[in-house]
N, C-alpha and C. Protein backbone atom coordinates (compact mmCIF):
# COMPACT_ATOMS: atom_id res chain seq x y z
N MET A 1 0.85 -1.17 0.00
CA MET A 1 0.00 0.00 0.00
C MET A 1 0.89 1.23 0.00
N ILE A 2 0.47 2.24 -0.73
CA ILE A 2 1.24 3.46 -0.83
C ILE A 2 0.83 4.40 0.31
N ALA A 3 1.79 5.05 0.89
CA ALA A 3 1.53 5.96 2.00
C ALA A 3 1.21 7.36 1.45
N GLU A 4 0.42 8.11 2.22
CA GLU A 4 0.08 9.47 1.81
C GLU A 4 1.34 10.31 1.65
N SER A 5 2.31 10.07 2.47
CA SER A 5 3.56 10.84 2.37
C SER A 5 4.26 10.56 1.04
N ASP A 6 4.12 9.34 0.50
CA ASP A 6 4.69 9.03 -0.81
C ASP A 6 3.99 9.86 -1.90
N ILE A 7 2.69 9.99 -1.78
CA ILE A 7 1.92 10.76 -2.76
C ILE A 7 2.33 12.23 -2.72
N GLU A 8 2.54 12.74 -1.53
CA GLU A 8 2.89 14.16 -1.38
C GLU A 8 4.24 14.49 -2.00
N THR A 9 5.11 13.49 -2.15
CA THR A 9 6.42 13.74 -2.76
C THR A 9 6.39 13.62 -4.28
N MET A 10 5.26 13.16 -4.83
CA MET A 10 5.14 13.02 -6.28
C MET A 10 4.98 14.38 -6.94
N THR A 11 5.42 14.48 -8.18
CA THR A 11 5.16 15.68 -8.96
C THR A 11 3.70 15.67 -9.39
N PRO A 12 3.18 16.82 -9.80
CA PRO A 12 1.79 16.82 -10.29
C PRO A 12 1.58 15.85 -11.44
N VAL A 13 2.53 15.73 -12.34
CA VAL A 13 2.41 14.80 -13.46
C VAL A 13 2.36 13.36 -12.95
N GLU A 14 3.19 13.02 -11.98
CA GLU A 14 3.17 11.68 -11.42
C GLU A 14 1.84 11.38 -10.73
N ARG A 15 1.28 12.37 -10.04
CA ARG A 15 -0.01 12.17 -9.39
C ARG A 15 -1.11 11.92 -10.42
N LEU A 16 -1.09 12.70 -11.50
CA LEU A 16 -2.09 12.48 -12.56
C LEU A 16 -1.93 11.10 -13.20
N GLN A 17 -0.70 10.69 -13.42
CA GLN A 17 -0.46 9.36 -13.98
C GLN A 17 -0.97 8.27 -13.04
N ALA A 18 -0.78 8.46 -11.76
CA ALA A 18 -1.27 7.48 -10.78
C ALA A 18 -2.79 7.44 -10.80
N MET A 19 -3.44 8.60 -10.89
CA MET A 19 -4.90 8.63 -10.95
C MET A 19 -5.40 7.93 -12.21
N GLU A 20 -4.72 8.15 -13.32
CA GLU A 20 -5.11 7.50 -14.57
C GLU A 20 -4.98 5.98 -14.45
N MET A 21 -3.91 5.52 -13.81
CA MET A 21 -3.74 4.07 -13.62
C MET A 21 -4.84 3.50 -12.75
N LEU A 22 -5.19 4.22 -11.68
CA LEU A 22 -6.28 3.77 -10.80
C LEU A 22 -7.59 3.70 -11.57
N TRP A 23 -7.87 4.75 -12.35
CA TRP A 23 -9.12 4.77 -13.10
C TRP A 23 -9.18 3.60 -14.10
N ARG A 24 -8.07 3.35 -14.80
CA ARG A 24 -8.03 2.22 -15.74
C ARG A 24 -8.27 0.91 -15.03
N SER A 25 -7.73 0.76 -13.82
CA SER A 25 -7.91 -0.49 -13.09
C SER A 25 -9.37 -0.67 -12.69
N PHE A 26 -10.06 0.42 -12.33
CA PHE A 26 -11.48 0.33 -12.01
C PHE A 26 -12.30 0.01 -13.25
N SER A 27 -12.04 0.75 -14.33
CA SER A 27 -12.87 0.62 -15.53
C SER A 27 -12.67 -0.70 -16.25
N SER A 28 -11.51 -1.32 -16.10
CA SER A 28 -11.27 -2.60 -16.80
C SER A 28 -11.59 -3.81 -15.94
N SER A 29 -11.92 -3.60 -14.68
CA SER A 29 -12.16 -4.75 -13.79
C SER A 29 -13.51 -5.41 -14.02
N GLY A 30 -14.45 -4.68 -14.63
CA GLY A 30 -15.78 -5.25 -14.85
C GLY A 30 -16.66 -5.22 -13.62
N GLN A 31 -16.10 -4.80 -12.50
CA GLN A 31 -16.90 -4.70 -11.27
C GLN A 31 -17.71 -3.42 -11.29
N GLU A 32 -18.95 -3.52 -10.86
CA GLU A 32 -19.77 -2.32 -10.76
C GLU A 32 -19.45 -1.63 -9.44
N ILE A 33 -19.23 -0.33 -9.54
CA ILE A 33 -18.92 0.46 -8.35
C ILE A 33 -20.15 1.34 -8.09
N PRO A 34 -20.85 1.09 -6.99
CA PRO A 34 -22.07 1.85 -6.74
C PRO A 34 -21.77 3.32 -6.41
N SER A 35 -22.64 4.18 -6.91
CA SER A 35 -22.53 5.61 -6.59
C SER A 35 -23.12 5.83 -5.22
N PRO A 36 -22.61 6.81 -4.50
CA PRO A 36 -23.20 7.13 -3.19
C PRO A 36 -24.65 7.62 -3.38
N GLU A 37 -25.45 7.41 -2.37
CA GLU A 37 -26.86 7.81 -2.44
C GLU A 37 -27.03 9.30 -2.71
N TRP A 38 -26.12 10.12 -2.19
CA TRP A 38 -26.24 11.55 -2.38
C TRP A 38 -26.10 11.95 -3.83
N HIS A 39 -25.41 11.16 -4.66
CA HIS A 39 -25.32 11.46 -6.08
C HIS A 39 -26.71 11.43 -6.70
N GLY A 40 -27.48 10.39 -6.38
CA GLY A 40 -28.84 10.28 -6.89
C GLY A 40 -29.72 11.41 -6.40
N ASP A 41 -29.52 11.82 -5.15
CA ASP A 41 -30.30 12.93 -4.60
C ASP A 41 -30.06 14.22 -5.38
N ILE A 42 -28.80 14.51 -5.69
CA ILE A 42 -28.46 15.72 -6.44
C ILE A 42 -29.02 15.66 -7.85
N LEU A 43 -28.88 14.50 -8.49
CA LEU A 43 -29.40 14.36 -9.85
C LEU A 43 -30.92 14.53 -9.89
N SER A 44 -31.61 13.97 -8.90
CA SER A 44 -33.08 14.11 -8.83
C SER A 44 -33.47 15.56 -8.63
N SER A 45 -32.74 16.25 -7.78
CA SER A 45 -33.01 17.67 -7.53
C SER A 45 -32.80 18.50 -8.79
N ARG A 46 -31.75 18.23 -9.50
CA ARG A 46 -31.47 18.99 -10.73
C ARG A 46 -32.49 18.68 -11.82
N LEU A 47 -32.88 17.42 -11.94
CA LEU A 47 -33.89 17.05 -12.93
C LEU A 47 -35.21 17.72 -12.61
N ALA A 48 -35.57 17.79 -11.34
CA ALA A 48 -36.82 18.45 -10.94
C ALA A 48 -36.79 19.92 -11.34
N LYS A 49 -35.65 20.59 -11.17
CA LYS A 49 -35.52 21.99 -11.56
C LYS A 49 -35.71 22.14 -13.08
N VAL A 50 -35.10 21.27 -13.85
CA VAL A 50 -35.23 21.34 -15.30
C VAL A 50 -36.68 21.12 -15.71
N GLU A 51 -37.32 20.11 -15.13
CA GLU A 51 -38.71 19.82 -15.47
C GLU A 51 -39.65 20.94 -15.06
N ALA A 52 -39.30 21.70 -14.03
CA ALA A 52 -40.12 22.82 -13.57
C ALA A 52 -39.79 24.11 -14.34
N GLY A 53 -38.86 24.00 -15.28
CA GLY A 53 -38.48 25.18 -16.06
C GLY A 53 -37.57 26.14 -15.31
N GLN A 54 -36.97 25.67 -14.24
CA GLN A 54 -36.10 26.52 -13.42
C GLN A 54 -34.62 26.20 -13.59
N GLY A 55 -34.31 25.27 -14.49
CA GLY A 55 -32.92 24.88 -14.69
C GLY A 55 -32.18 25.95 -15.49
N SER A 56 -30.92 26.09 -15.21
CA SER A 56 -30.09 27.01 -15.98
C SER A 56 -28.90 26.23 -16.51
N PHE A 57 -28.46 26.62 -17.69
CA PHE A 57 -27.41 25.88 -18.35
C PHE A 57 -26.29 26.83 -18.77
N LEU A 58 -25.08 26.31 -18.80
CA LEU A 58 -23.92 27.09 -19.22
C LEU A 58 -23.34 26.47 -20.49
N THR A 59 -22.77 27.31 -21.32
CA THR A 59 -22.00 26.80 -22.45
C THR A 59 -20.65 26.32 -21.92
N ILE A 60 -19.92 25.60 -22.71
CA ILE A 60 -18.59 25.14 -22.27
C ILE A 60 -17.68 26.33 -21.98
N PRO A 61 -17.62 27.35 -22.85
CA PRO A 61 -16.77 28.50 -22.51
C PRO A 61 -17.20 29.18 -21.20
N GLN A 62 -18.50 29.27 -20.95
CA GLN A 62 -18.97 29.88 -19.71
C GLN A 62 -18.53 29.03 -18.51
N MET A 63 -18.61 27.72 -18.65
CA MET A 63 -18.22 26.83 -17.55
C MET A 63 -16.72 26.93 -17.28
N LYS A 64 -15.93 26.98 -18.35
CA LYS A 64 -14.48 27.13 -18.18
C LYS A 64 -14.14 28.43 -17.47
N ALA A 65 -14.83 29.52 -17.86
CA ALA A 65 -14.57 30.80 -17.20
C ALA A 65 -14.98 30.74 -15.74
N ARG A 66 -16.08 30.10 -15.46
CA ARG A 66 -16.55 29.95 -14.07
C ARG A 66 -15.55 29.17 -13.23
N LEU A 67 -15.06 28.07 -13.78
CA LEU A 67 -14.08 27.26 -13.07
C LEU A 67 -12.78 28.02 -12.86
N ALA A 68 -12.36 28.76 -13.87
CA ALA A 68 -11.11 29.52 -13.78
C ALA A 68 -11.19 30.62 -12.73
N SER A 69 -12.40 31.13 -12.52
CA SER A 69 -12.56 32.20 -11.54
C SER A 69 -12.73 31.66 -10.12
N GLY A 70 -12.87 30.36 -9.99
CA GLY A 70 -13.02 29.76 -8.67
C GLY A 70 -14.45 29.66 -8.19
N GLN A 71 -15.41 30.05 -9.01
CA GLN A 71 -16.82 29.95 -8.63
C GLN A 71 -17.26 28.49 -8.70
N THR A 72 -18.24 28.15 -7.87
CA THR A 72 -18.80 26.80 -7.89
C THR A 72 -20.26 26.84 -8.24
């Protein structure tokens, strides 16, 4: 098992490579990984807003600008 201190000494590129390896191992295993219940709760809430005509949508450039500015 890798220690958190080992991760902290990795470069950002090494951390990203490690995350990619982990993701590949999950996606190729064939095992279903259940989503937490709160994911479904958020999706249901957002769908209800859209169905009620209260949903708002961003273009990709708008979302990139929002993320770059630190807004959530």
